[in-house]
Amino acid sequence: MEDSEIILASLSGEDKPGVTAALTAVLAKHNANILDIGQANIHHSLSLAIMFEARNAGEVIKDLLFKATEVGVIIRFSPISKEEYMRWVCLQGTKNRYIVTMLGRTLNPSQISAVAQISQKYKLNIEKIIRLTGRVPLETEERPSRSCIELAIRGSVDDVQQLKHDFMKLADEQGIDIAFQVESMYRRMRRLVCFDMDSTLIQTEVIDELAERAGVGEEVKAITESAMRGEIDFSESFRKRVSLLKGLDESVMKDIAENLPITEGMTRLIRILKKSGCKLAILSGGFTYFGNYLKEKYGFDYVYANELEIEDGKLTGNYVGDIVDGKRKAELLRLLAQVEKVDMRQTVAIGDGANDLPMLGIAGLGIAFHAKPKVKANAKQSLSTVGLDGILYFLGYRDSMLVGEE
């Protein structure tokens, strides 16, 4: 508009129906052009900002003042020069948007302050903060078992890896989880989610359970832990462990399967992901027998794992086919993405061991779940303070979205 002025109107007051409608109606009456608008509320307290352009700015301001008094809100105005506005518009394409998710059993002011200080250190501006978990009751015993907020931040970062390192270090120090993601359409469009099984979907390593029944528990457990830490090659450790199971009765597997300790939040996570249309896969260095048991019970779409050789009802100490190791898990993730016609940026991978790092590295969102330090240090994101359903917050879900859907 020629001979127009740009005004920023900032409003605050009681949040009640009709405030936004009344004020924007004034702008419509004067044919004002809304350049930007944002609104938020906390406990019936409204904060609304409207940047508009108008020829008769004085008349618009006068009418807005009258209407604000009528609806019971406070309004103040700031003139914006066209040069200042154009500089602001030009910055839009040069600064990236990021999402920082803070998650823990509880969150306190010092933790939020520490995250804000790191953002400030990298000259990132916090544009919006929203709570993803439900409202907090005053009675301690009624409070939910987790707290999560999401920060939308904007800016240009020269060293993203160093920024992520700083957030991860802070998360370890504060005993919380901090996820750092580039904001894009893919973040809210995940379509393929691949899980490790042992110590991820279930709170045990099945091969250790089998070894206990075979009387070689301590020997196998030591090899398992060394492999998960990345100290020895997974395939080598797999062959050693399977060979020690020779002679174990096949019926033992059924008993173990029926008593698998399911990880906290797994059932809820799978139910919600399936409702949202995601394809779900188990990519495991464990065994097909147990993966198929979980598939039938919880509705996974794919299972790829290792098959134990059985003769005359006994384990032979050998396996059938190729070993599903770290390299194979990454290959399977790519293959499933092709089969499902899913962009790799729409994939999620979750695992706890060193053999999960290849698939965590290529997935759009790779999450180290309750993982060893080496795995956490090399993964894009980590989740250590809550159950598997904490992943929903990394995907942008709010508790309020899920009411009636679980």
Protein backbone atom coordinates (compact mmCIF):
# COMPACT_ATOMS: atom_id res chain seq x y z
CA MET A 1 0.00 0.00 0.00
CA GLU A 2 1.27 3.49 -0.85
CA ASP A 3 1.25 6.05 1.97
CA SER A 4 0.62 3.27 4.45
CA GLU A 5 2.10 2.64 7.90
CA ILE A 6 3.12 -0.59 9.58
CA ILE A 7 1.99 -1.04 13.18
CA LEU A 8 2.65 -3.82 15.68
CA ALA A 9 -0.30 -4.22 18.07
CA SER A 10 0.45 -6.20 21.25
CA LEU A 11 -2.47 -7.31 23.43
CA SER A 12 -2.69 -8.96 26.82
CA GLY A 13 -5.54 -9.79 29.16
CA GLU A 14 -8.06 -12.46 30.06
CA ASP A 15 -8.40 -15.20 27.47
CA LYS A 16 -12.08 -15.49 26.57
CA PRO A 17 -14.11 -16.19 23.43
CA GLY A 18 -14.49 -13.35 20.95
CA VAL A 19 -11.34 -11.26 21.62
CA THR A 20 -9.51 -12.19 18.43
CA ALA A 21 -12.71 -11.99 16.37
CA ALA A 22 -13.53 -8.49 17.66
CA LEU A 23 -10.07 -7.02 17.05
CA THR A 24 -9.56 -8.53 13.61
CA ALA A 25 -13.03 -7.27 12.65
CA VAL A 26 -11.77 -3.72 13.26
CA LEU A 27 -8.85 -4.38 10.91
CA ALA A 28 -11.24 -5.77 8.31
CA LYS A 29 -13.45 -2.69 8.58
CA HIS A 30 -10.46 -0.46 7.68
CA ASN A 31 -9.16 -2.84 4.95
CA ALA A 32 -5.91 -3.25 6.87
CA ASN A 33 -3.43 -5.86 5.66
CA ILE A 34 -2.29 -8.35 8.33
CA LEU A 35 1.42 -9.03 7.84
CA ASP A 36 1.92 -11.37 10.81
CA ILE A 37 -0.12 -12.69 13.73
CA GLY A 38 0.60 -14.86 16.75
CA GLN A 39 -1.39 -15.88 19.83
CA ALA A 40 -0.73 -17.87 23.00
CA ASN A 41 -2.46 -18.40 26.33
CA ILE A 42 -1.58 -19.78 29.74
CA HIS A 43 -4.25 -20.32 32.39
CA HIS A 44 -6.82 -17.94 30.85
CA SER A 45 -4.14 -15.30 30.20
CA LEU A 46 -4.03 -14.15 26.59
CA SER A 47 -1.05 -12.80 24.64
CA LEU A 48 -1.82 -11.71 21.07
CA ALA A 49 0.33 -9.77 18.61
CA ILE A 50 -0.78 -8.50 15.20
CA MET A 51 1.46 -6.68 12.72
CA PHE A 52 -0.67 -4.82 10.19
CA GLU A 53 -0.35 -2.32 7.38
CA ALA A 54 -2.95 0.43 6.90
CA ARG A 55 -3.32 3.78 5.14
CA ASN A 56 -5.37 5.39 7.91
CA ALA A 57 -3.29 3.97 10.77
CA GLY A 58 -4.46 6.64 13.25
CA GLU A 59 -8.12 5.75 12.76
CA VAL A 60 -7.35 2.03 13.02
CA ILE A 61 -5.43 2.54 16.27
CA LYS A 62 -8.27 4.63 17.73
CA ASP A 63 -10.88 1.97 16.90
CA LEU A 64 -8.67 -0.81 18.21
CA LEU A 65 -8.26 1.07 21.50
CA PHE A 66 -12.03 1.41 21.89
CA LYS A 67 -12.58 -2.26 21.03
CA ALA A 68 -9.81 -3.41 23.40
CA THR A 69 -11.45 -1.48 26.25
CA GLU A 70 -14.81 -2.97 25.33
CA VAL A 71 -13.56 -6.58 25.42
CA GLY A 72 -11.36 -5.98 28.49
CA VAL A 73 -7.81 -6.34 27.19
CA ILE A 74 -4.76 -4.07 27.26
CA ILE A 75 -3.31 -3.02 23.91
CA ARG A 76 -0.18 -1.11 22.98
CA PHE A 77 1.20 -0.07 19.60
CA SER A 78 4.68 0.15 18.09
CA PRO A 79 5.36 1.73 14.68
CA ILE A 80 7.59 -0.34 12.38
CA SER A 81 9.50 1.36 9.57
CA LYS A 82 9.29 -0.22 6.14
CA GLU A 83 13.08 -0.61 6.10
CA GLU A 84 13.00 -2.44 9.42
CA TYR A 85 10.17 -4.65 8.19
CA MET A 86 12.02 -5.54 4.96
CA ARG A 87 15.17 -6.45 6.89
CA TRP A 88 13.05 -8.73 9.09
CA VAL A 89 11.45 -10.39 6.03
CA CYS A 90 14.84 -10.94 4.38
CA LEU A 91 16.15 -12.73 7.46
CA GLN A 92 13.44 -15.34 7.07
CA GLY A 93 15.32 -17.16 4.33
CA THR A 94 18.75 -16.98 5.94
CA LYS A 95 17.98 -18.36 9.39
CA ASN A 96 17.13 -21.98 10.00
CA ARG A 97 14.41 -23.29 12.26
CA TYR A 98 15.16 -25.95 14.86
CA ILE A 99 13.13 -27.84 17.44
CA VAL A 100 14.56 -28.55 20.89
CA THR A 101 12.59 -31.09 22.93
CA MET A 102 13.23 -31.27 26.68
CA LEU A 103 11.97 -34.44 28.37
CA GLY A 104 12.32 -35.91 31.84
CA ARG A 105 10.43 -37.34 34.78
CA THR A 106 10.24 -33.70 35.90
CA LEU A 107 11.63 -30.43 34.50
CA ASN A 108 12.75 -27.53 36.67
CA PRO A 109 13.57 -23.86 35.96
CA SER A 110 17.35 -24.37 36.13
CA GLN A 111 17.20 -26.99 33.38
CA ILE A 112 15.12 -24.75 31.12
CA SER A 113 17.46 -21.85 31.86
CA ALA A 114 20.50 -23.96 30.94
CA VAL A 115 18.98 -24.87 27.56
CA ALA A 116 18.11 -21.22 26.94
CA GLN A 117 21.69 -20.20 27.79
CA ILE A 118 23.11 -22.64 25.23
CA SER A 119 20.67 -21.25 22.65
CA GLN A 120 21.87 -17.74 23.51
CA LYS A 121 25.52 -18.85 23.24
CA TYR A 122 24.90 -19.84 19.62
CA LYS A 123 22.86 -16.67 18.97
CA LEU A 124 19.65 -18.66 18.51
CA ASN A 125 16.37 -16.93 19.27
CA ILE A 126 13.60 -18.84 21.05
CA GLU A 127 10.43 -18.02 19.13
CA LYS A 128 7.96 -20.30 20.85
CA ILE A 129 7.69 -22.68 23.80
CA ILE A 130 4.86 -25.20 24.14
CA ARG A 131 4.10 -27.89 26.69
CA LEU A 132 3.63 -31.35 25.16
CA THR A 133 2.69 -33.18 28.35
CA GLY A 134 -0.58 -32.63 30.22
CA ARG A 135 -1.27 -29.93 32.79
CA VAL A 136 0.39 -30.47 36.16
CA PRO A 137 -1.88 -31.04 39.19
CA LEU A 138 -0.87 -29.49 42.53
CA GLU A 139 -1.08 -32.79 44.41
CA THR A 140 2.30 -34.49 44.06
CA GLU A 141 0.88 -38.02 44.03
CA GLU A 142 -1.38 -37.14 41.09
CA ARG A 143 1.37 -35.69 38.92
CA PRO A 144 2.23 -37.46 35.64
CA SER A 145 5.41 -39.54 35.41
CA ARG A 146 6.97 -37.26 32.81
CA SER A 147 7.29 -33.64 31.74
CA CYS A 148 8.07 -32.37 28.25
CA ILE A 149 8.31 -28.99 26.57
CA GLU A 150 9.20 -28.09 22.99
CA LEU A 151 11.16 -24.98 22.01
CA ALA A 152 11.05 -23.59 18.47
CA ILE A 153 14.27 -21.70 17.85
CA ARG A 154 15.68 -19.84 14.87
CA GLY A 155 19.14 -18.77 13.80
CA SER A 156 22.24 -19.61 11.81
CA VAL A 157 24.58 -22.16 13.38
CA ASP A 158 28.10 -22.64 12.02
CA ASP A 159 28.81 -25.83 13.98
CA VAL A 160 25.62 -27.85 14.46
CA GLN A 161 27.54 -30.89 15.75
CA GLN A 162 29.13 -28.84 18.52
CA LEU A 163 25.73 -27.45 19.45
CA LYS A 164 24.28 -30.96 19.65
CA HIS A 165 27.29 -32.03 21.72
CA ASP A 166 26.63 -29.19 24.16
CA PHE A 167 22.98 -30.18 24.48
CA MET A 168 23.89 -33.85 25.02
CA LYS A 169 26.46 -32.94 27.67
CA LEU A 170 23.89 -30.78 29.43
CA ALA A 171 21.31 -33.58 29.26
CA ASP A 172 23.73 -35.98 30.98
CA GLU A 173 24.57 -33.42 33.65
CA GLN A 174 20.93 -32.56 34.34
CA GLY A 175 19.50 -36.09 34.10
CA ILE A 176 17.07 -35.22 31.30
CA ASP A 177 16.76 -35.87 27.56
CA ILE A 178 17.29 -33.09 25.03
CA ALA A 179 16.51 -33.73 21.37
CA PHE A 180 17.69 -31.28 18.72
CA GLN A 181 16.09 -31.50 15.27
CA VAL A 182 15.94 -29.38 12.15
CA GLU A 183 12.35 -28.23 11.69
CA SER A 184 11.01 -29.59 8.40
CA MET A 185 7.91 -31.22 7.01
CA TYR A 186 9.50 -34.64 7.51
CA ARG A 187 9.57 -34.27 11.29
CA ARG A 188 5.80 -34.61 11.46
CA MET A 189 5.53 -37.09 8.56
CA ARG A 190 7.37 -40.17 9.83
CA ARG A 191 6.05 -43.28 8.06
CA LEU A 192 8.44 -46.15 8.82
CA VAL A 193 9.65 -46.94 12.35
CA CYS A 194 12.25 -49.68 12.87
CA PHE A 195 13.07 -51.13 16.29
CA ASP A 196 15.84 -53.19 17.72
CA MET A 197 14.24 -55.87 19.91
CA ASP A 198 16.44 -56.97 22.81
CA SER A 199 16.87 -54.26 25.49
CA THR A 200 14.70 -51.96 23.37
CA LEU A 201 11.23 -53.43 22.87
CA ILE A 202 11.88 -55.90 25.68
CA GLN A 203 13.91 -55.40 28.85
CA THR A 204 16.21 -58.35 28.39
CA GLU A 205 18.64 -59.96 25.98
CA VAL A 206 16.88 -63.18 24.92
CA ILE A 207 20.15 -64.93 24.20
CA ASP A 208 21.07 -64.37 27.85
CA GLU A 209 17.73 -65.90 28.91
CA LEU A 210 18.41 -68.94 26.71
CA ALA A 211 21.93 -69.20 28.10
CA GLU A 212 20.62 -69.24 31.68
CA ARG A 213 18.44 -72.24 30.79
CA ALA A 214 21.43 -73.90 29.12
CA GLY A 215 23.63 -73.33 32.19
CA VAL A 216 26.06 -70.97 30.46
CA GLY A 217 24.49 -67.70 31.58
CA GLU A 218 27.51 -65.83 32.93
CA GLU A 219 29.72 -66.73 29.97
CA VAL A 220 27.16 -65.61 27.38
CA LYS A 221 26.15 -62.48 29.30
CA ALA A 222 29.76 -61.26 29.40
CA ILE A 223 30.07 -61.70 25.61
CA THR A 224 26.72 -59.92 25.06
CA GLU A 225 27.68 -56.89 27.14
CA SER A 226 31.03 -56.61 25.40
CA ALA A 227 29.33 -56.71 21.99
CA MET A 228 26.73 -54.09 22.95
CA ARG A 229 29.53 -51.78 24.10
CA GLY A 230 31.18 -52.22 20.72
CA GLU A 231 34.29 -53.88 22.16
CA ILE A 232 34.08 -56.97 19.93
CA ASP A 233 32.57 -57.61 16.51
CA PHE A 234 28.87 -58.45 16.72
CA SER A 235 28.98 -61.34 14.24
CA GLU A 236 31.90 -62.95 16.05
CA SER A 237 30.17 -62.60 19.40
CA PHE A 238 26.93 -63.96 17.92
CA ARG A 239 28.58 -67.17 16.69
CA LYS A 240 30.28 -67.70 20.05
CA ARG A 241 27.08 -67.25 22.01
CA VAL A 242 24.88 -69.41 19.77
CA SER A 243 27.39 -72.26 19.87
CA LEU A 244 27.07 -72.35 23.66
CA LEU A 245 23.31 -73.04 23.37
CA LYS A 246 23.84 -76.47 21.81
CA GLY A 247 21.52 -79.10 23.22
CA LEU A 248 18.92 -76.72 24.71
CA ASP A 249 15.36 -78.00 24.36
CA GLU A 250 13.17 -76.10 21.83
CA SER A 251 10.26 -75.88 24.33
CA VAL A 252 12.27 -73.41 26.42
CA MET A 253 11.76 -70.72 23.76
CA LYS A 254 7.97 -70.80 24.13
CA ASP A 255 8.20 -70.30 27.88
CA ILE A 256 10.61 -67.38 27.51
CA ALA A 257 8.48 -65.74 24.79
CA GLU A 258 5.34 -65.84 26.92
CA ASN A 259 7.15 -64.12 29.80
CA LEU A 260 9.13 -61.44 27.96
CA PRO A 261 9.47 -58.26 30.08
CA ILE A 262 7.97 -55.56 27.86
CA THR A 263 9.67 -52.15 28.03
CA GLU A 264 7.79 -49.30 29.71
CA GLY A 265 5.67 -47.40 27.19
CA MET A 266 6.13 -49.90 24.35
CA THR A 267 2.48 -50.96 24.13
CA ARG A 268 1.26 -47.35 24.10
CA LEU A 269 3.84 -46.29 21.51
CA ILE A 270 3.04 -49.13 19.11
CA ARG A 271 -0.72 -48.58 19.43
CA ILE A 272 -0.44 -44.87 18.63
CA LEU A 273 2.04 -45.32 15.77
CA LYS A 274 -0.22 -47.92 14.17
CA LYS A 275 -3.22 -45.59 14.49
CA SER A 276 -1.23 -42.83 12.81
CA GLY A 277 -0.53 -45.10 9.82
CA CYS A 278 3.14 -45.90 10.41
CA LYS A 279 4.67 -49.15 9.21
CA LEU A 280 6.54 -50.89 12.04
CA ALA A 281 9.50 -53.24 11.76
CA ILE A 282 11.66 -55.27 14.12
CA LEU A 283 15.28 -55.40 12.92
CA SER A 284 17.03 -57.52 15.48
CA GLY A 285 20.30 -59.25 16.12
CA GLY A 286 18.19 -61.59 18.26
CA PHE A 287 16.00 -64.42 17.06
CA THR A 288 13.03 -64.71 14.70
CA TYR A 289 11.04 -66.87 17.14
CA PHE A 290 10.72 -64.01 19.63
CA GLY A 291 10.35 -61.32 16.97
CA ASN A 292 7.44 -63.20 15.41
CA TYR A 293 5.86 -63.61 18.84
CA LEU A 294 5.90 -59.82 19.29
CA LYS A 295 4.68 -59.33 15.71
CA GLU A 296 1.61 -61.47 16.32
CA LYS A 297 0.85 -59.93 19.70
CA TYR A 298 1.40 -56.24 18.89
CA GLY A 299 0.90 -55.99 15.14
CA PHE A 300 4.36 -55.25 13.74
CA ASP A 301 4.48 -55.32 9.95
CA TYR A 302 7.96 -56.80 9.48
CA VAL A 303 10.41 -58.94 11.42
CA TYR A 304 14.01 -59.55 10.40
CA ALA A 305 16.19 -61.43 12.87
CA ASN A 306 18.37 -64.54 13.16
CA GLU A 307 17.00 -68.06 12.95
CA LEU A 308 18.28 -70.74 15.28
CA GLU A 309 18.86 -74.19 13.79
CA ILE A 310 16.80 -76.89 15.49
CA GLU A 311 17.05 -80.66 14.99
CA ASP A 312 14.99 -83.27 16.83
CA GLY A 313 13.60 -80.59 19.14
CA LYS A 314 17.04 -79.39 20.25
CA LEU A 315 19.15 -76.32 19.40
CA THR A 316 22.21 -77.42 17.42
CA GLY A 317 24.42 -74.47 18.36
CA ASN A 318 24.21 -73.19 14.78
CA TYR A 319 22.02 -70.68 12.94
CA VAL A 320 20.33 -70.58 9.53
CA GLY A 321 21.06 -67.87 6.93
CA ASP A 322 23.01 -64.64 7.22
CA ILE A 323 23.57 -62.89 10.53
CA VAL A 324 21.51 -59.73 11.07
CA ASP A 325 24.34 -57.48 12.24
CA GLY A 326 24.66 -53.71 12.20
CA LYS A 327 25.40 -53.49 8.48
CA ARG A 328 22.45 -55.74 7.66
CA LYS A 329 20.08 -53.66 9.82
CA ALA A 330 20.97 -50.54 7.83
CA GLU A 331 20.47 -52.42 4.55
CA LEU A 332 17.07 -53.64 5.71
CA LEU A 333 16.01 -50.14 6.73
CA ARG A 334 16.84 -48.85 3.24
CA LEU A 335 15.07 -51.81 1.63
CA LEU A 336 11.89 -51.36 3.67
CA ALA A 337 11.86 -47.63 2.86
CA GLN A 338 11.96 -48.54 -0.84
CA VAL A 339 9.27 -51.20 -0.48
CA GLU A 340 6.98 -48.81 1.41
CA LYS A 341 7.88 -45.91 -0.94
CA VAL A 342 9.02 -43.82 2.02
CA ASP A 343 11.66 -41.09 1.86
CA MET A 344 14.58 -41.92 4.17
CA ARG A 345 13.94 -38.63 5.96
CA GLN A 346 10.57 -40.08 7.01
CA THR A 347 12.14 -43.07 8.77
CA VAL A 348 12.82 -43.58 12.48
CA ALA A 349 15.19 -46.13 14.01
CA ILE A 350 15.46 -47.01 17.70
CA GLY A 351 18.07 -49.20 19.35
CA ASP A 352 20.42 -49.54 22.30
CA GLY A 353 23.54 -51.33 21.08
CA ALA A 354 26.62 -50.59 19.02
CA ASN A 355 25.23 -52.84 16.27
CA ASP A 356 22.29 -50.41 15.96
CA LEU A 357 24.47 -47.41 15.10
CA PRO A 358 24.48 -47.99 11.30
CA MET A 359 20.68 -47.85 11.09
CA LEU A 360 20.47 -45.02 13.61
CA GLY A 361 22.90 -43.08 11.45
CA ILE A 362 20.96 -43.33 8.18
CA ALA A 363 17.42 -42.93 9.57
CA GLY A 364 15.70 -39.57 9.39
CA LEU A 365 15.47 -39.77 13.19
CA GLY A 366 17.85 -42.16 14.95
CA ILE A 367 17.30 -42.62 18.68
CA ALA A 368 19.63 -44.39 21.09
CA PHE A 369 17.30 -45.82 23.74
CA HIS A 370 18.71 -46.28 27.28
CA ALA A 371 21.98 -46.92 25.49
CA LYS A 372 25.61 -47.30 26.45
CA PRO A 373 27.72 -44.07 26.42
CA LYS A 374 29.46 -44.95 23.13
CA VAL A 375 26.12 -45.48 21.40
CA LYS A 376 24.60 -42.27 22.81
CA ALA A 377 27.64 -40.28 21.76
CA ASN A 378 27.33 -41.44 18.14
CA ALA A 379 23.54 -41.32 17.73
CA LYS A 380 21.57 -38.33 16.47
CA GLN A 381 19.27 -38.37 19.50
CA SER A 382 18.99 -40.31 22.74
CA LEU A 383 16.20 -41.20 25.16
CA SER A 384 17.24 -42.32 28.64
CA THR A 385 14.89 -40.88 31.27
CA VAL A 386 11.46 -42.31 30.39
CA GLY A 387 9.89 -45.25 28.54
CA LEU A 388 9.64 -45.91 24.82
CA ASP A 389 6.52 -43.78 24.43
CA GLY A 390 8.72 -40.75 25.13
CA ILE A 391 9.56 -41.04 21.42
CA LEU A 392 6.10 -39.61 20.67
CA TYR A 393 7.26 -36.22 21.96
CA PHE A 394 10.28 -36.28 19.63
CA LEU A 395 7.75 -36.76 16.82
CA GLY A 396 5.81 -33.68 17.95
CA TYR A 397 2.83 -35.40 19.59
CA ARG A 398 1.11 -33.73 22.53
CA ASP A 399 -0.74 -35.59 25.26
CA SER A 400 -3.82 -33.50 24.45
CA MET A 401 -3.81 -34.89 20.88
CA LEU A 402 -4.05 -38.43 22.17
CA VAL A 403 -7.07 -38.10 24.48
CA GLY A 404 -9.58 -40.73 23.38
CA GLU A 405 -7.10 -42.27 20.90
CA GLU A 406 -5.42 -44.77 23.22
